[in-house]
Amino acid sequence: MMSPRSFRELGLKASKFGFEEPQPMIEVTVNGQTLEIPVLEAPGHAHNSVTVTLGYGQKQGGRVGDETGFNTYKILSSQHPYVATGAKVKISPNRYLLATTAEHYSMEGRALAREGNHG
């Protein structure tokens, strides 16, 4: 995830969420390791930073889980196991279809509250 401003400064274009359209991907290089991951805009996220989630890359997970997700641990070091600084980020030409509930609370164009007279 990254802020909308950082997202645009990289030249990324937002996709629709969910199963509708694959998301853009970035290459993050830090500690001599490069990781290619999908990226989402996250309003309220700090500018000039990237958040990656840990623990979602699987080599073996059964018929539907083999080789899913991304092993983000490879860009961390034992001295700094949860924060990495000095990363270089660039756009990847690839895209990745993500499952997300980002639109779960969407009102789909309807008013948040409706009012009217009864009777």
N, C-alpha and C. Protein backbone atom coordinates (compact mmCIF):
# COMPACT_ATOMS: atom_id res chain seq x y z
N MET A 1 0.84 -1.17 0.00
CA MET A 1 0.00 0.00 0.00
C MET A 1 0.89 1.23 0.00
N MET A 2 0.35 2.28 -0.57
CA MET A 2 1.03 3.57 -0.54
C MET A 2 0.00 4.68 -0.67
N SER A 3 0.42 5.89 -0.36
CA SER A 3 -0.50 7.02 -0.40
C SER A 3 -0.91 7.32 -1.84
N PRO A 4 -2.08 7.92 -2.04
CA PRO A 4 -2.49 8.30 -3.39
C PRO A 4 -1.47 9.22 -4.08
N ARG A 5 -0.85 10.13 -3.32
CA ARG A 5 0.13 11.03 -3.92
C ARG A 5 1.35 10.24 -4.38
N SER A 6 1.89 9.37 -3.55
CA SER A 6 3.04 8.56 -3.95
C SER A 6 2.68 7.66 -5.13
N PHE A 7 1.48 7.12 -5.11
CA PHE A 7 0.97 6.28 -6.18
C PHE A 7 1.02 7.03 -7.52
N ARG A 8 0.49 8.26 -7.51
CA ARG A 8 0.48 9.08 -8.74
C ARG A 8 1.88 9.53 -9.14
N GLU A 9 2.73 9.87 -8.15
CA GLU A 9 4.08 10.32 -8.46
C GLU A 9 4.90 9.24 -9.16
N LEU A 10 4.59 7.99 -8.87
CA LEU A 10 5.25 6.88 -9.58
C LEU A 10 4.71 6.70 -10.99
N GLY A 11 3.56 7.31 -11.26
CA GLY A 11 2.92 7.15 -12.57
C GLY A 11 1.94 6.00 -12.63
N LEU A 12 1.51 5.53 -11.46
CA LEU A 12 0.55 4.42 -11.43
C LEU A 12 -0.87 4.91 -11.64
N LYS A 13 -1.68 4.08 -12.22
CA LYS A 13 -3.10 4.35 -12.42
C LYS A 13 -3.90 3.37 -11.60
N ALA A 14 -4.87 3.88 -10.87
CA ALA A 14 -5.71 3.02 -10.01
C ALA A 14 -6.60 2.14 -10.86
N SER A 15 -6.80 0.92 -10.39
CA SER A 15 -7.73 -0.02 -11.01
C SER A 15 -8.94 -0.15 -10.11
N LYS A 16 -9.99 -0.75 -10.63
CA LYS A 16 -11.14 -1.06 -9.79
C LYS A 16 -10.73 -2.13 -8.80
N PHE A 17 -11.37 -2.16 -7.63
CA PHE A 17 -11.04 -3.16 -6.62
C PHE A 17 -11.74 -4.47 -6.91
N GLY A 18 -11.30 -5.49 -6.21
CA GLY A 18 -11.98 -6.77 -6.24
C GLY A 18 -11.58 -7.60 -7.44
N PHE A 19 -12.51 -8.41 -7.90
CA PHE A 19 -12.24 -9.35 -8.97
C PHE A 19 -12.38 -8.73 -10.35
N GLU A 20 -12.59 -7.43 -10.41
CA GLU A 20 -12.89 -6.81 -11.68
C GLU A 20 -11.68 -6.55 -12.57
N GLU A 21 -10.56 -6.17 -11.98
CA GLU A 21 -9.42 -5.75 -12.79
C GLU A 21 -8.11 -5.98 -12.03
N PRO A 22 -7.09 -6.52 -12.68
CA PRO A 22 -5.80 -6.72 -11.99
C PRO A 22 -5.20 -5.38 -11.54
N GLN A 23 -4.51 -5.42 -10.41
CA GLN A 23 -3.89 -4.23 -9.84
C GLN A 23 -2.47 -4.05 -10.37
N PRO A 24 -1.97 -2.80 -10.38
CA PRO A 24 -0.59 -2.59 -10.80
C PRO A 24 0.38 -3.22 -9.80
N MET A 25 1.60 -3.46 -10.28
CA MET A 25 2.63 -4.04 -9.42
C MET A 25 3.84 -3.10 -9.38
N ILE A 26 4.59 -3.19 -8.28
CA ILE A 26 5.81 -2.41 -8.14
C ILE A 26 6.95 -3.36 -7.80
N GLU A 27 8.17 -2.90 -8.04
CA GLU A 27 9.36 -3.61 -7.62
C GLU A 27 9.99 -2.81 -6.49
N VAL A 28 10.13 -3.42 -5.33
CA VAL A 28 10.73 -2.78 -4.17
C VAL A 28 12.10 -3.42 -3.97
N THR A 29 13.15 -2.61 -3.99
CA THR A 29 14.50 -3.11 -3.76
C THR A 29 15.04 -2.50 -2.48
N VAL A 30 15.44 -3.36 -1.55
CA VAL A 30 16.01 -2.93 -0.27
C VAL A 30 16.90 -4.05 0.25
N ASN A 31 17.97 -3.69 0.92
CA ASN A 31 18.93 -4.67 1.45
C ASN A 31 19.45 -5.61 0.37
N GLY A 32 19.57 -5.10 -0.87
CA GLY A 32 20.08 -5.91 -1.96
C GLY A 32 19.11 -6.94 -2.51
N GLN A 33 17.86 -6.91 -2.04
CA GLN A 33 16.83 -7.86 -2.49
C GLN A 33 15.71 -7.10 -3.20
N THR A 34 15.19 -7.69 -4.25
CA THR A 34 14.07 -7.08 -4.98
C THR A 34 12.85 -7.97 -4.85
N LEU A 35 11.73 -7.32 -4.61
CA LEU A 35 10.45 -8.01 -4.44
C LEU A 35 9.43 -7.34 -5.36
N GLU A 36 8.75 -8.14 -6.16
CA GLU A 36 7.70 -7.62 -7.03
C GLU A 36 6.36 -7.93 -6.37
N ILE A 37 5.57 -6.88 -6.09
CA ILE A 37 4.30 -7.04 -5.36
C ILE A 37 3.22 -6.15 -5.96
N PRO A 38 1.95 -6.55 -5.82
CA PRO A 38 0.86 -5.66 -6.24
C PRO A 38 0.75 -4.51 -5.25
N VAL A 39 0.20 -3.40 -5.70
CA VAL A 39 0.10 -2.21 -4.85
C VAL A 39 -1.29 -1.60 -4.96
N LEU A 40 -1.78 -1.11 -3.83
CA LEU A 40 -3.07 -0.41 -3.77
C LEU A 40 -2.86 0.99 -3.21
N GLU A 41 -3.67 1.93 -3.67
CA GLU A 41 -3.71 3.26 -3.06
C GLU A 41 -4.39 3.14 -1.71
N ALA A 42 -3.86 3.82 -0.71
CA ALA A 42 -4.46 3.79 0.62
C ALA A 42 -4.56 5.22 1.15
N PRO A 43 -5.73 5.85 1.00
CA PRO A 43 -5.88 7.21 1.52
C PRO A 43 -5.52 7.25 3.01
N GLY A 44 -4.74 8.26 3.40
CA GLY A 44 -4.29 8.39 4.78
C GLY A 44 -2.93 7.76 5.03
N HIS A 45 -2.41 7.03 4.06
CA HIS A 45 -1.09 6.41 4.19
C HIS A 45 -0.01 7.50 4.12
N ALA A 46 1.08 7.32 4.84
CA ALA A 46 2.20 8.26 4.81
C ALA A 46 2.81 8.32 3.41
N HIS A 47 3.16 9.54 2.97
CA HIS A 47 3.79 9.71 1.66
C HIS A 47 5.21 9.17 1.69
N ASN A 48 5.70 8.79 0.54
CA ASN A 48 7.07 8.29 0.37
C ASN A 48 7.37 7.08 1.25
N SER A 49 6.39 6.24 1.43
CA SER A 49 6.60 4.99 2.15
C SER A 49 5.70 3.92 1.55
N VAL A 50 6.08 2.68 1.76
CA VAL A 50 5.33 1.54 1.25
C VAL A 50 5.09 0.59 2.41
N THR A 51 3.88 0.09 2.53
CA THR A 51 3.57 -0.91 3.55
C THR A 51 3.37 -2.25 2.86
N VAL A 52 4.08 -3.26 3.35
CA VAL A 52 3.90 -4.62 2.84
C VAL A 52 3.45 -5.49 4.00
N THR A 53 2.60 -6.44 3.72
CA THR A 53 2.13 -7.35 4.77
C THR A 53 3.04 -8.58 4.80
N LEU A 54 3.21 -9.12 5.99
CA LEU A 54 4.06 -10.28 6.18
C LEU A 54 3.22 -11.53 6.38
N GLY A 55 3.72 -12.66 5.92
CA GLY A 55 3.09 -13.94 6.21
C GLY A 55 2.06 -14.42 5.22
N TYR A 56 2.00 -13.83 4.04
CA TYR A 56 0.99 -14.26 3.07
C TYR A 56 1.56 -14.96 1.84
N GLY A 57 2.85 -15.21 1.81
CA GLY A 57 3.44 -15.95 0.70
C GLY A 57 3.51 -17.43 1.03
N GLN A 58 2.97 -18.28 0.15
CA GLN A 58 2.94 -19.72 0.41
C GLN A 58 3.59 -20.48 -0.74
N LYS A 59 4.43 -21.42 -0.41
CA LYS A 59 4.97 -22.34 -1.42
C LYS A 59 4.04 -23.53 -1.57
N GLN A 60 3.53 -24.04 -0.43
CA GLN A 60 2.64 -25.19 -0.45
C GLN A 60 1.39 -24.87 0.35
N GLY A 61 0.25 -24.98 -0.30
CA GLY A 61 -1.01 -24.71 0.38
C GLY A 61 -2.14 -25.55 -0.17
N GLY A 62 -1.78 -26.62 -0.83
CA GLY A 62 -2.82 -27.46 -1.43
C GLY A 62 -3.12 -27.03 -2.84
N ARG A 63 -4.13 -27.64 -3.40
CA ARG A 63 -4.47 -27.43 -4.81
C ARG A 63 -4.70 -25.96 -5.15
N VAL A 64 -5.38 -25.22 -4.29
CA VAL A 64 -5.67 -23.81 -4.61
C VAL A 64 -4.69 -22.85 -3.95
N GLY A 65 -3.81 -23.35 -3.06
CA GLY A 65 -2.91 -22.46 -2.34
C GLY A 65 -1.45 -22.54 -2.73
N ASP A 66 -1.07 -23.49 -3.59
CA ASP A 66 0.33 -23.59 -3.99
C ASP A 66 0.78 -22.34 -4.72
N GLU A 67 1.97 -21.87 -4.33
CA GLU A 67 2.59 -20.71 -5.00
C GLU A 67 1.68 -19.48 -5.03
N THR A 68 1.01 -19.20 -3.92
CA THR A 68 0.15 -18.01 -3.86
C THR A 68 0.78 -16.97 -2.95
N GLY A 69 0.42 -15.73 -3.15
CA GLY A 69 0.92 -14.65 -2.31
C GLY A 69 2.36 -14.29 -2.63
N PHE A 70 2.95 -13.50 -1.73
CA PHE A 70 4.28 -12.96 -1.94
C PHE A 70 5.08 -13.06 -0.65
N ASN A 71 6.29 -13.59 -0.73
CA ASN A 71 7.14 -13.73 0.44
C ASN A 71 7.89 -12.41 0.67
N THR A 72 7.31 -11.55 1.48
CA THR A 72 7.89 -10.23 1.72
C THR A 72 9.03 -10.26 2.74
N TYR A 73 9.21 -11.38 3.42
CA TYR A 73 10.30 -11.48 4.39
C TYR A 73 11.67 -11.34 3.75
N LYS A 74 11.78 -11.62 2.46
CA LYS A 74 13.09 -11.59 1.82
C LYS A 74 13.70 -10.19 1.75
N ILE A 75 12.91 -9.13 1.92
CA ILE A 75 13.48 -7.78 1.89
C ILE A 75 13.83 -7.27 3.29
N LEU A 76 13.57 -8.07 4.31
CA LEU A 76 13.91 -7.66 5.68
C LEU A 76 15.22 -8.29 6.12
N SER A 77 15.82 -7.72 7.14
CA SER A 77 17.07 -8.27 7.67
C SER A 77 16.87 -8.67 9.13
N SER A 78 17.80 -9.46 9.66
CA SER A 78 17.67 -9.88 11.05
C SER A 78 17.89 -8.70 12.01
N GLN A 79 18.65 -7.68 11.59
CA GLN A 79 18.85 -6.51 12.43
C GLN A 79 17.60 -5.64 12.50
N HIS A 80 16.83 -5.62 11.43
CA HIS A 80 15.60 -4.81 11.36
C HIS A 80 14.48 -5.68 10.79
N PRO A 81 13.89 -6.54 11.63
CA PRO A 81 12.94 -7.54 11.11
C PRO A 81 11.58 -7.00 10.68
N TYR A 82 11.24 -5.76 11.02
CA TYR A 82 9.91 -5.27 10.67
C TYR A 82 9.89 -3.95 9.91
N VAL A 83 11.01 -3.26 9.88
CA VAL A 83 11.09 -1.99 9.17
C VAL A 83 12.34 -1.98 8.32
N ALA A 84 12.20 -1.60 7.06
CA ALA A 84 13.35 -1.47 6.17
C ALA A 84 13.36 -0.05 5.63
N THR A 85 14.51 0.58 5.63
CA THR A 85 14.62 1.94 5.11
C THR A 85 15.51 1.95 3.88
N GLY A 86 15.40 3.03 3.12
CA GLY A 86 16.24 3.20 1.94
C GLY A 86 15.79 2.40 0.73
N ALA A 87 14.55 2.00 0.69
CA ALA A 87 14.04 1.20 -0.43
C ALA A 87 13.94 2.03 -1.70
N LYS A 88 14.16 1.38 -2.81
CA LYS A 88 13.94 1.97 -4.14
C LYS A 88 12.71 1.30 -4.72
N VAL A 89 11.81 2.11 -5.28
CA VAL A 89 10.55 1.59 -5.81
C VAL A 89 10.41 2.01 -7.27
N LYS A 90 10.04 1.05 -8.11
CA LYS A 90 9.75 1.37 -9.51
C LYS A 90 8.56 0.55 -9.98
N ILE A 91 7.95 1.01 -11.03
CA ILE A 91 6.78 0.34 -11.60
C ILE A 91 7.20 -0.95 -12.29
N SER A 92 6.43 -2.00 -12.08
CA SER A 92 6.59 -3.25 -12.80
C SER A 92 5.61 -3.24 -13.98
N PRO A 93 5.95 -3.86 -15.09
CA PRO A 93 5.00 -3.93 -16.20
C PRO A 93 3.86 -4.91 -15.93
N ASN A 94 3.98 -5.72 -14.89
CA ASN A 94 2.98 -6.75 -14.60
C ASN A 94 1.83 -6.23 -13.77
N ARG A 95 0.73 -6.99 -13.77
CA ARG A 95 -0.44 -6.68 -12.97
C ARG A 95 -0.86 -7.97 -12.26
N TYR A 96 -1.63 -7.82 -11.17
CA TYR A 96 -1.98 -8.99 -10.37
C TYR A 96 -3.41 -8.84 -9.87
N LEU A 97 -4.19 -9.89 -10.03
CA LEU A 97 -5.59 -9.87 -9.59
C LEU A 97 -5.65 -10.16 -8.10
N LEU A 98 -6.18 -9.22 -7.33
CA LEU A 98 -6.30 -9.35 -5.88
C LEU A 98 -7.74 -9.58 -5.47
N ALA A 99 -7.92 -10.32 -4.40
CA ALA A 99 -9.24 -10.43 -3.77
C ALA A 99 -9.25 -9.42 -2.62
N THR A 100 -10.23 -8.55 -2.58
CA THR A 100 -10.28 -7.53 -1.54
C THR A 100 -11.72 -7.22 -1.16
N THR A 101 -11.90 -6.78 0.05
CA THR A 101 -13.23 -6.35 0.50
C THR A 101 -13.29 -4.83 0.59
N ALA A 102 -12.44 -4.15 -0.17
CA ALA A 102 -12.34 -2.70 -0.08
C ALA A 102 -13.65 -1.99 -0.39
N GLU A 103 -14.51 -2.59 -1.16
CA GLU A 103 -15.79 -1.97 -1.48
C GLU A 103 -16.93 -2.54 -0.64
N HIS A 104 -16.60 -3.29 0.39
CA HIS A 104 -17.63 -3.94 1.21
C HIS A 104 -18.67 -2.95 1.74
N TYR A 105 -18.22 -1.76 2.14
CA TYR A 105 -19.14 -0.79 2.72
C TYR A 105 -19.57 0.27 1.71
N SER A 106 -19.33 0.05 0.44
CA SER A 106 -19.71 1.01 -0.58
C SER A 106 -21.23 1.16 -0.65
N MET A 107 -21.67 2.38 -0.83
CA MET A 107 -23.11 2.64 -0.98
C MET A 107 -23.52 2.60 -2.44
N GLU A 108 -22.56 2.34 -3.35
CA GLU A 108 -22.82 2.20 -4.77
C GLU A 108 -23.63 3.36 -5.33
N GLY A 109 -23.24 4.58 -4.95
CA GLY A 109 -23.88 5.78 -5.47
C GLY A 109 -25.13 6.21 -4.73
N ARG A 110 -25.59 5.42 -3.76
CA ARG A 110 -26.78 5.80 -2.99
C ARG A 110 -26.39 6.73 -1.85
N ALA A 111 -27.34 7.51 -1.42
CA ALA A 111 -27.12 8.41 -0.28
C ALA A 111 -26.87 7.57 0.98
N LEU A 112 -26.00 8.08 1.86
CA LEU A 112 -25.69 7.37 3.09
C LEU A 112 -26.93 7.26 3.98
N ALA A 113 -27.68 8.31 4.00
CA ALA A 113 -28.94 8.32 4.80
C ALA A 113 -30.03 8.93 3.94
N ARG A 114 -31.21 8.42 4.09
CA ARG A 114 -32.37 8.96 3.35
C ARG A 114 -33.39 9.45 4.34
N GLU A 115 -34.06 10.50 3.99
CA GLU A 115 -35.10 11.00 4.86
C GLU A 115 -36.35 11.30 4.05
N GLY A 116 -37.44 11.28 4.72
CA GLY A 116 -38.72 11.55 4.05
C GLY A 116 -39.82 11.66 5.08
N ASN A 117 -40.99 12.00 4.62
CA ASN A 117 -42.14 12.10 5.50
C ASN A 117 -42.94 10.82 5.44
N HIS A 118 -43.41 10.40 6.58
CA HIS A 118 -44.21 9.18 6.65
C HIS A 118 -45.65 9.60 6.86
N GLY A 119 -46.48 9.08 6.02
CA GLY A 119 -47.91 9.20 6.22
C GLY A 119 -48.47 10.47 5.88
